[in-house]
Amino acid sequence: MRFVKVFLAMCVLSMVVACGSKRDIEQREVSVYIVVEDTTTSSVLFEGEISAVGEIETLEDLLAIVPELEVVMSKGAYGVQIDSILGVKTENWSKGPWWVFSSDNNTSCVEMGMCPAISEVVIENNNRFKFEFIQ
């Protein structure tokens, strides 16, 4: 009887862990071209290719692991939002300025006619993204 209870407890625990785990993503290398521009000061803060290896499926996954851009993100009403890039930060979410981004070759962005939240943008090698701090 004790064996049955232990077995059932292990089954339940296995189901909880399996159901609660994040998506199953394989390690891969991704290279993208990124431009970061602060339009409030008319300055380009970064322009170049960024490569990373990890469990990268979305733009959020990539931005979370690349140290070059010093990206700070948080959960917002419409998904994950960019709070700051390279120390340039949105101070007032009601008045701006804010970080926005676009891509002329990412499938998720092109198909929608605009980019969805960074947690929804499926990343592909050789994508190009432009991040702009705009008023």
C-alpha atoms as a PDB file:
ATOM      1  CA  MET A   1       0.000   0.000   0.000  1.00  0.00           C
ATOM      2  CA  ARG A   2       2.818   2.387   0.846  1.00  0.00           C
ATOM      3  CA  PHE A   3       4.404   1.681  -2.554  1.00  0.00           C
ATOM      4  CA  VAL A   4       1.158   2.678  -4.291  1.00  0.00           C
ATOM      5  CA  LYS A   5       0.990   5.985  -2.366  1.00  0.00           C
ATOM      6  CA  VAL A   6       4.617   6.792  -3.169  1.00  0.00           C
ATOM      7  CA  PHE A   7       4.080   5.858  -6.824  1.00  0.00           C
ATOM      8  CA  LEU A   8       0.969   8.061  -7.103  1.00  0.00           C
ATOM      9  CA  ALA A   9       2.741  10.974  -5.401  1.00  0.00           C
ATOM     10  CA  MET A  10       5.626  10.687  -7.888  1.00  0.00           C
ATOM     11  CA  CYS A  11       3.187  10.613 -10.811  1.00  0.00           C
ATOM     12  CA  VAL A  12       1.421  13.743  -9.588  1.00  0.00           C
ATOM     13  CA  LEU A  13       4.734  15.500  -8.992  1.00  0.00           C
ATOM     14  CA  SER A  14       5.933  14.579 -12.482  1.00  0.00           C
ATOM     15  CA  MET A  15       2.762  15.973 -14.022  1.00  0.00           C
ATOM     16  CA  VAL A  16       3.059  19.235 -12.077  1.00  0.00           C
ATOM     17  CA  VAL A  17       6.685  19.699 -13.150  1.00  0.00           C
ATOM     18  CA  ALA A  18       5.915  18.841 -16.786  1.00  0.00           C
ATOM     19  CA  CYS A  19       2.917  21.155 -16.974  1.00  0.00           C
ATOM     20  CA  GLY A  20       4.683  24.007 -15.208  1.00  0.00           C
ATOM     21  CA  SER A  21       7.888  23.946 -17.224  1.00  0.00           C
ATOM     22  CA  LYS A  22       8.698  26.587 -19.798  1.00  0.00           C
ATOM     23  CA  ARG A  23       8.721  25.802 -23.506  1.00  0.00           C
ATOM     24  CA  ASP A  24      11.327  23.279 -24.628  1.00  0.00           C
ATOM     25  CA  ILE A  25      13.934  25.249 -26.594  1.00  0.00           C
ATOM     26  CA  GLU A  26      17.194  23.874 -27.883  1.00  0.00           C
ATOM     27  CA  GLN A  27      20.496  25.703 -27.619  1.00  0.00           C
ATOM     28  CA  ARG A  28      21.345  27.531 -30.823  1.00  0.00           C
ATOM     29  CA  GLU A  29      23.437  30.367 -32.126  1.00  0.00           C
ATOM     30  CA  VAL A  30      21.658  33.446 -33.439  1.00  0.00           C
ATOM     31  CA  SER A  31      23.152  36.465 -35.212  1.00  0.00           C
ATOM     32  CA  VAL A  32      21.162  39.642 -35.815  1.00  0.00           C
ATOM     33  CA  TYR A  33      21.949  43.197 -36.931  1.00  0.00           C
ATOM     34  CA  ILE A  34      20.823  45.875 -34.496  1.00  0.00           C
ATOM     35  CA  VAL A  35      20.634  49.659 -34.586  1.00  0.00           C
ATOM     36  CA  VAL A  36      19.875  51.542 -31.366  1.00  0.00           C
ATOM     37  CA  GLU A  37      19.021  55.220 -31.812  1.00  0.00           C
ATOM     38  CA  ASP A  38      18.046  57.894 -29.316  1.00  0.00           C
ATOM     39  CA  THR A  39      15.924  60.228 -31.460  1.00  0.00           C
ATOM     40  CA  THR A  40      15.594  62.703 -28.565  1.00  0.00           C
ATOM     41  CA  THR A  41      19.310  63.495 -28.933  1.00  0.00           C
ATOM     42  CA  SER A  42      19.718  62.441 -32.591  1.00  0.00           C
ATOM     43  CA  SER A  43      22.408  59.937 -31.656  1.00  0.00           C
ATOM     44  CA  VAL A  44      23.112  56.365 -32.693  1.00  0.00           C
ATOM     45  CA  LEU A  45      24.045  54.478 -29.532  1.00  0.00           C
ATOM     46  CA  PHE A  46      24.859  51.150 -31.170  1.00  0.00           C
ATOM     47  CA  GLU A  47      25.016  49.723 -34.666  1.00  0.00           C
ATOM     48  CA  GLY A  48      26.301  46.287 -35.512  1.00  0.00           C
ATOM     49  CA  GLU A  49      25.884  42.546 -35.472  1.00  0.00           C
ATOM     50  CA  ILE A  50      25.178  40.728 -32.246  1.00  0.00           C
ATOM     51  CA  SER A  51      25.599  36.971 -31.852  1.00  0.00           C
ATOM     52  CA  ALA A  52      24.559  34.828 -28.929  1.00  0.00           C
ATOM     53  CA  VAL A  53      24.293  31.145 -28.051  1.00  0.00           C
ATOM     54  CA  GLY A  54      21.503  29.939 -25.816  1.00  0.00           C
ATOM     55  CA  GLU A  55      17.890  28.892 -25.584  1.00  0.00           C
ATOM     56  CA  ILE A  56      16.803  31.620 -27.984  1.00  0.00           C
ATOM     57  CA  GLU A  57      13.372  31.560 -29.570  1.00  0.00           C
ATOM     58  CA  THR A  58      12.147  35.142 -29.256  1.00  0.00           C
ATOM     59  CA  LEU A  59      13.621  38.617 -29.334  1.00  0.00           C
ATOM     60  CA  GLU A  60      13.049  38.747 -25.582  1.00  0.00           C
ATOM     61  CA  ASP A  61      15.231  35.633 -25.142  1.00  0.00           C
ATOM     62  CA  LEU A  62      18.041  37.235 -27.149  1.00  0.00           C
ATOM     63  CA  LEU A  63      17.903  40.628 -25.437  1.00  0.00           C
ATOM     64  CA  ALA A  64      17.962  38.961 -22.030  1.00  0.00           C
ATOM     65  CA  ILE A  65      21.361  37.339 -22.656  1.00  0.00           C
ATOM     66  CA  VAL A  66      23.348  39.866 -24.719  1.00  0.00           C
ATOM     67  CA  PRO A  67      25.401  42.117 -22.430  1.00  0.00           C
ATOM     68  CA  GLU A  68      26.329  44.610 -25.180  1.00  0.00           C
ATOM     69  CA  LEU A  69      22.963  46.382 -25.104  1.00  0.00           C
ATOM     70  CA  GLU A  70      22.343  46.446 -21.322  1.00  0.00           C
ATOM     71  CA  VAL A  71      18.610  45.894 -21.879  1.00  0.00           C
ATOM     72  CA  VAL A  72      16.224  46.160 -18.926  1.00  0.00           C
ATOM     73  CA  MET A  73      12.747  44.709 -19.491  1.00  0.00           C
ATOM     74  CA  SER A  74       9.562  44.343 -17.470  1.00  0.00           C
ATOM     75  CA  LYS A  75       6.093  42.869 -17.897  1.00  0.00           C
ATOM     76  CA  GLY A  76       3.569  45.432 -19.067  1.00  0.00           C
ATOM     77  CA  ALA A  77      -0.105  45.458 -19.971  1.00  0.00           C
ATOM     78  CA  TYR A  78       0.630  44.300 -23.534  1.00  0.00           C
ATOM     79  CA  GLY A  79       3.498  41.907 -22.853  1.00  0.00           C
ATOM     80  CA  VAL A  80       7.171  42.377 -22.107  1.00  0.00           C
ATOM     81  CA  GLN A  81       8.295  45.968 -22.581  1.00  0.00           C
ATOM     82  CA  ILE A  82      11.706  47.567 -22.879  1.00  0.00           C
ATOM     83  CA  ASP A  83      12.439  49.897 -19.963  1.00  0.00           C
ATOM     84  CA  SER A  84      15.996  50.809 -20.877  1.00  0.00           C
ATOM     85  CA  ILE A  85      18.757  50.178 -23.427  1.00  0.00           C
ATOM     86  CA  LEU A  86      22.373  51.222 -22.823  1.00  0.00           C
ATOM     87  CA  GLY A  87      21.281  53.263 -19.817  1.00  0.00           C
ATOM     88  CA  VAL A  88      18.695  55.299 -21.750  1.00  0.00           C
ATOM     89  CA  LYS A  89      15.527  54.781 -19.756  1.00  0.00           C
ATOM     90  CA  THR A  90      11.838  55.558 -19.958  1.00  0.00           C
ATOM     91  CA  GLU A  91      11.184  57.680 -16.880  1.00  0.00           C
ATOM     92  CA  ASN A  92       7.479  58.397 -17.377  1.00  0.00           C
ATOM     93  CA  TRP A  93       5.314  55.788 -19.123  1.00  0.00           C
ATOM     94  CA  SER A  94       2.455  58.291 -19.511  1.00  0.00           C
ATOM     95  CA  LYS A  95       4.495  61.008 -21.221  1.00  0.00           C
ATOM     96  CA  GLY A  96       7.496  59.218 -22.760  1.00  0.00           C
ATOM     97  CA  PRO A  97       9.899  59.064 -24.389  1.00  0.00           C
ATOM     98  CA  TRP A  98       9.640  55.295 -24.940  1.00  0.00           C
ATOM     99  CA  TRP A  99      11.551  52.516 -26.656  1.00  0.00           C
ATOM    100  CA  VAL A 100       9.955  51.168 -29.845  1.00  0.00           C
ATOM    101  CA  PHE A 101      11.375  48.768 -32.382  1.00  0.00           C
ATOM    102  CA  SER A 102      10.865  47.623 -35.944  1.00  0.00           C
ATOM    103  CA  SER A 103      12.216  45.118 -38.439  1.00  0.00           C
ATOM    104  CA  ASP A 104      12.122  45.074 -42.205  1.00  0.00           C
ATOM    105  CA  ASN A 105      12.876  41.343 -42.491  1.00  0.00           C
ATOM    106  CA  ASN A 106      11.612  39.499 -39.403  1.00  0.00           C
ATOM    107  CA  THR A 107       8.728  37.217 -40.392  1.00  0.00           C
ATOM    108  CA  SER A 108       6.622  38.009 -37.283  1.00  0.00           C
ATOM    109  CA  CYS A 109       6.940  41.756 -37.897  1.00  0.00           C
ATOM    110  CA  VAL A 110       6.501  41.685 -41.686  1.00  0.00           C
ATOM    111  CA  GLU A 111       3.406  39.453 -41.580  1.00  0.00           C
ATOM    112  CA  MET A 112       1.669  41.720 -39.045  1.00  0.00           C
ATOM    113  CA  GLY A 113       2.776  44.966 -40.669  1.00  0.00           C
ATOM    114  CA  MET A 114       4.363  45.900 -37.324  1.00  0.00           C
ATOM    115  CA  CYS A 115       6.294  44.114 -34.628  1.00  0.00           C
ATOM    116  CA  PRO A 116       4.335  42.573 -31.756  1.00  0.00           C
ATOM    117  CA  ALA A 117       5.700  42.544 -28.190  1.00  0.00           C
ATOM    118  CA  ILE A 118       9.306  41.331 -27.925  1.00  0.00           C
ATOM    119  CA  SER A 119       8.085  38.160 -26.240  1.00  0.00           C
ATOM    120  CA  GLU A 120       6.086  37.354 -29.409  1.00  0.00           C
ATOM    121  CA  VAL A 121       8.753  38.087 -32.043  1.00  0.00           C
ATOM    122  CA  VAL A 122      10.217  34.751 -33.152  1.00  0.00           C
ATOM    123  CA  ILE A 123      13.863  35.439 -33.925  1.00  0.00           C
ATOM    124  CA  GLU A 124      15.652  34.257 -37.053  1.00  0.00           C
ATOM    125  CA  ASN A 125      19.279  34.439 -38.116  1.00  0.00           C
ATOM    126  CA  ASN A 126      20.180  37.601 -40.029  1.00  0.00           C
ATOM    127  CA  ASN A 127      17.154  39.553 -38.777  1.00  0.00           C
ATOM    128  CA  ARG A 128      17.571  43.318 -38.667  1.00  0.00           C
ATOM    129  CA  PHE A 129      16.052  45.313 -35.803  1.00  0.00           C
ATOM    130  CA  LYS A 130      15.992  49.034 -35.160  1.00  0.00           C
ATOM    131  CA  PHE A 131      15.314  50.241 -31.613  1.00  0.00           C
ATOM    132  CA  GLU A 132      14.350  53.905 -31.297  1.00  0.00           C
ATOM    133  CA  PHE A 133      13.878  56.020 -28.196  1.00  0.00           C
ATOM    134  CA  ILE A 134      11.097  58.353 -29.345  1.00  0.00           C
ATOM    135  CA  GLN A 135       8.872  61.050 -27.885  1.00  0.00           C
END
